[in-house]
């Protein structure tokens, strides 16, 4: 049995777009797992230290996941620079 639907092309286009948008809207990003605090560092100093420690851990920020060797190396670097780790 074949179901034949004679809907206008604009209706089909709208259905395809709605389905696509629903898929994009349900895309989930990981929520933050940690943050750093320092009483002495400025925002610029923090950004530089953070970048240097990520580079030293040979990883990228979006790949930094807790409980990995790279995160531990990164965390040790930040702690040595005077930052306190807060986890969520």
C-alpha atoms as a PDB file:
ATOM      1  CA  UNK A   1       0.000   0.000   0.000  1.00  0.00           C
ATOM      2  CA  UNK A   2       1.393   3.358  -1.005  1.00  0.00           C
ATOM      3  CA  UNK A   3       0.338   6.585   0.617  1.00  0.00           C
ATOM      4  CA  UNK A   4       0.302   9.415  -1.841  1.00  0.00           C
ATOM      5  CA  UNK A   5       0.152  12.926  -0.458  1.00  0.00           C
ATOM      6  CA  UNK A   6      -0.362  15.800  -2.828  1.00  0.00           C
ATOM      7  CA  UNK A   7       0.910  18.629  -0.697  1.00  0.00           C
ATOM      8  CA  UNK A   8       2.326  21.807  -2.184  1.00  0.00           C
ATOM      9  CA  UNK A   9       6.105  22.043  -2.384  1.00  0.00           C
ATOM     10  CA  UNK A  10       6.106  24.890   0.162  1.00  0.00           C
ATOM     11  CA  UNK A  11       4.451  22.631   2.754  1.00  0.00           C
ATOM     12  CA  UNK A  12       7.082  19.932   2.239  1.00  0.00           C
ATOM     13  CA  UNK A  13       9.817  22.550   2.515  1.00  0.00           C
ATOM     14  CA  UNK A  14       8.327  23.832   5.762  1.00  0.00           C
ATOM     15  CA  UNK A  15       8.140  20.294   7.177  1.00  0.00           C
ATOM     16  CA  UNK A  16      11.753  19.567   6.290  1.00  0.00           C
ATOM     17  CA  UNK A  17      12.918  22.866   7.797  1.00  0.00           C
ATOM     18  CA  UNK A  18      10.911  22.294  11.001  1.00  0.00           C
ATOM     19  CA  UNK A  19      12.419  18.830  11.385  1.00  0.00           C
ATOM     20  CA  UNK A  20      15.923  20.189  10.825  1.00  0.00           C
ATOM     21  CA  UNK A  21      15.458  22.999  13.306  1.00  0.00           C
ATOM     22  CA  UNK A  22      14.138  20.607  15.931  1.00  0.00           C
ATOM     23  CA  UNK A  23      17.302  18.554  15.572  1.00  0.00           C
ATOM     24  CA  UNK A  24      19.493  21.627  15.981  1.00  0.00           C
ATOM     25  CA  UNK A  25      17.526  22.902  18.954  1.00  0.00           C
ATOM     26  CA  UNK A  26      18.024  19.628  20.785  1.00  0.00           C
ATOM     27  CA  UNK A  27      21.807  19.754  20.402  1.00  0.00           C
ATOM     28  CA  UNK A  28      23.336  19.571  23.877  1.00  0.00           C
ATOM     29  CA  UNK A  29      26.637  21.095  24.872  1.00  0.00           C
ATOM     30  CA  UNK A  30      28.513  20.076  27.973  1.00  0.00           C
ATOM     31  CA  UNK A  31      27.967  22.393  30.885  1.00  0.00           C
ATOM     32  CA  UNK A  32      30.989  23.866  32.671  1.00  0.00           C
ATOM     33  CA  UNK A  33      32.664  21.510  35.113  1.00  0.00           C
ATOM     34  CA  UNK A  34      34.996  23.933  36.841  1.00  0.00           C
ATOM     35  CA  UNK A  35      36.172  27.502  37.283  1.00  0.00           C
ATOM     36  CA  UNK A  36      39.251  29.187  38.702  1.00  0.00           C
ATOM     37  CA  UNK A  37      39.546  31.988  41.219  1.00  0.00           C
ATOM     38  CA  UNK A  38      42.430  34.204  42.236  1.00  0.00           C
ATOM     39  CA  UNK A  39      42.645  37.203  44.519  1.00  0.00           C
ATOM     40  CA  UNK A  40      45.669  38.626  42.684  1.00  0.00           C
ATOM     41  CA  UNK A  41      45.252  37.915  38.963  1.00  0.00           C
ATOM     42  CA  UNK A  42      43.587  40.360  36.605  1.00  0.00           C
ATOM     43  CA  UNK A  43      41.329  39.092  33.832  1.00  0.00           C
ATOM     44  CA  UNK A  44      44.157  39.553  31.326  1.00  0.00           C
ATOM     45  CA  UNK A  45      46.585  37.629  33.530  1.00  0.00           C
ATOM     46  CA  UNK A  46      44.041  34.852  33.996  1.00  0.00           C
ATOM     47  CA  UNK A  47      43.492  34.547  30.246  1.00  0.00           C
ATOM     48  CA  UNK A  48      47.222  34.358  29.602  1.00  0.00           C
ATOM     49  CA  UNK A  49      47.790  31.815  32.406  1.00  0.00           C
ATOM     50  CA  UNK A  50      44.825  29.737  31.242  1.00  0.00           C
ATOM     51  CA  UNK A  51      46.072  29.720  27.654  1.00  0.00           C
ATOM     52  CA  UNK A  52      49.624  28.819  28.738  1.00  0.00           C
ATOM     53  CA  UNK A  53      48.437  25.959  30.964  1.00  0.00           C
ATOM     54  CA  UNK A  54      46.173  24.552  28.236  1.00  0.00           C
ATOM     55  CA  UNK A  55      49.107  24.716  25.844  1.00  0.00           C
ATOM     56  CA  UNK A  56      51.422  23.057  28.391  1.00  0.00           C
ATOM     57  CA  UNK A  57      48.895  20.215  28.775  1.00  0.00           C
ATOM     58  CA  UNK A  58      49.019  19.753  24.975  1.00  0.00           C
ATOM     59  CA  UNK A  59      45.263  19.986  24.573  1.00  0.00           C
ATOM     60  CA  UNK A  60      42.562  22.459  23.588  1.00  0.00           C
ATOM     61  CA  UNK A  61      39.960  24.059  25.853  1.00  0.00           C
ATOM     62  CA  UNK A  62      36.989  22.300  24.255  1.00  0.00           C
ATOM     63  CA  UNK A  63      38.740  18.936  24.719  1.00  0.00           C
ATOM     64  CA  UNK A  64      39.511  19.551  28.390  1.00  0.00           C
ATOM     65  CA  UNK A  65      37.476  17.034  30.393  1.00  0.00           C
ATOM     66  CA  UNK A  66      37.773  16.386  34.101  1.00  0.00           C
ATOM     67  CA  UNK A  67      39.338  13.121  35.236  1.00  0.00           C
ATOM     68  CA  UNK A  68      41.763  12.960  32.315  1.00  0.00           C
ATOM     69  CA  UNK A  69      45.555  13.180  32.348  1.00  0.00           C
ATOM     70  CA  UNK A  70      45.433  16.418  30.325  1.00  0.00           C
ATOM     71  CA  UNK A  71      43.046  18.032  32.811  1.00  0.00           C
ATOM     72  CA  UNK A  72      45.247  16.994  35.735  1.00  0.00           C
ATOM     73  CA  UNK A  73      48.310  18.504  34.052  1.00  0.00           C
ATOM     74  CA  UNK A  74      46.334  21.672  33.259  1.00  0.00           C
ATOM     75  CA  UNK A  75      44.968  21.883  36.840  1.00  0.00           C
ATOM     76  CA  UNK A  76      48.438  21.445  38.349  1.00  0.00           C
ATOM     77  CA  UNK A  77      49.748  24.249  36.150  1.00  0.00           C
ATOM     78  CA  UNK A  78      46.922  26.602  37.194  1.00  0.00           C
ATOM     79  CA  UNK A  79      47.404  25.746  40.885  1.00  0.00           C
ATOM     80  CA  UNK A  80      51.145  26.472  40.616  1.00  0.00           C
ATOM     81  CA  UNK A  81      50.228  29.906  39.263  1.00  0.00           C
ATOM     82  CA  UNK A  82      48.112  30.633  42.339  1.00  0.00           C
ATOM     83  CA  UNK A  83      44.571  29.746  41.208  1.00  0.00           C
ATOM     84  CA  UNK A  84      42.021  27.863  43.284  1.00  0.00           C
ATOM     85  CA  UNK A  85      39.893  25.248  41.520  1.00  0.00           C
ATOM     86  CA  UNK A  86      36.127  25.204  42.028  1.00  0.00           C
ATOM     87  CA  UNK A  87      34.267  22.201  40.587  1.00  0.00           C
ATOM     88  CA  UNK A  88      30.583  21.799  39.856  1.00  0.00           C
END
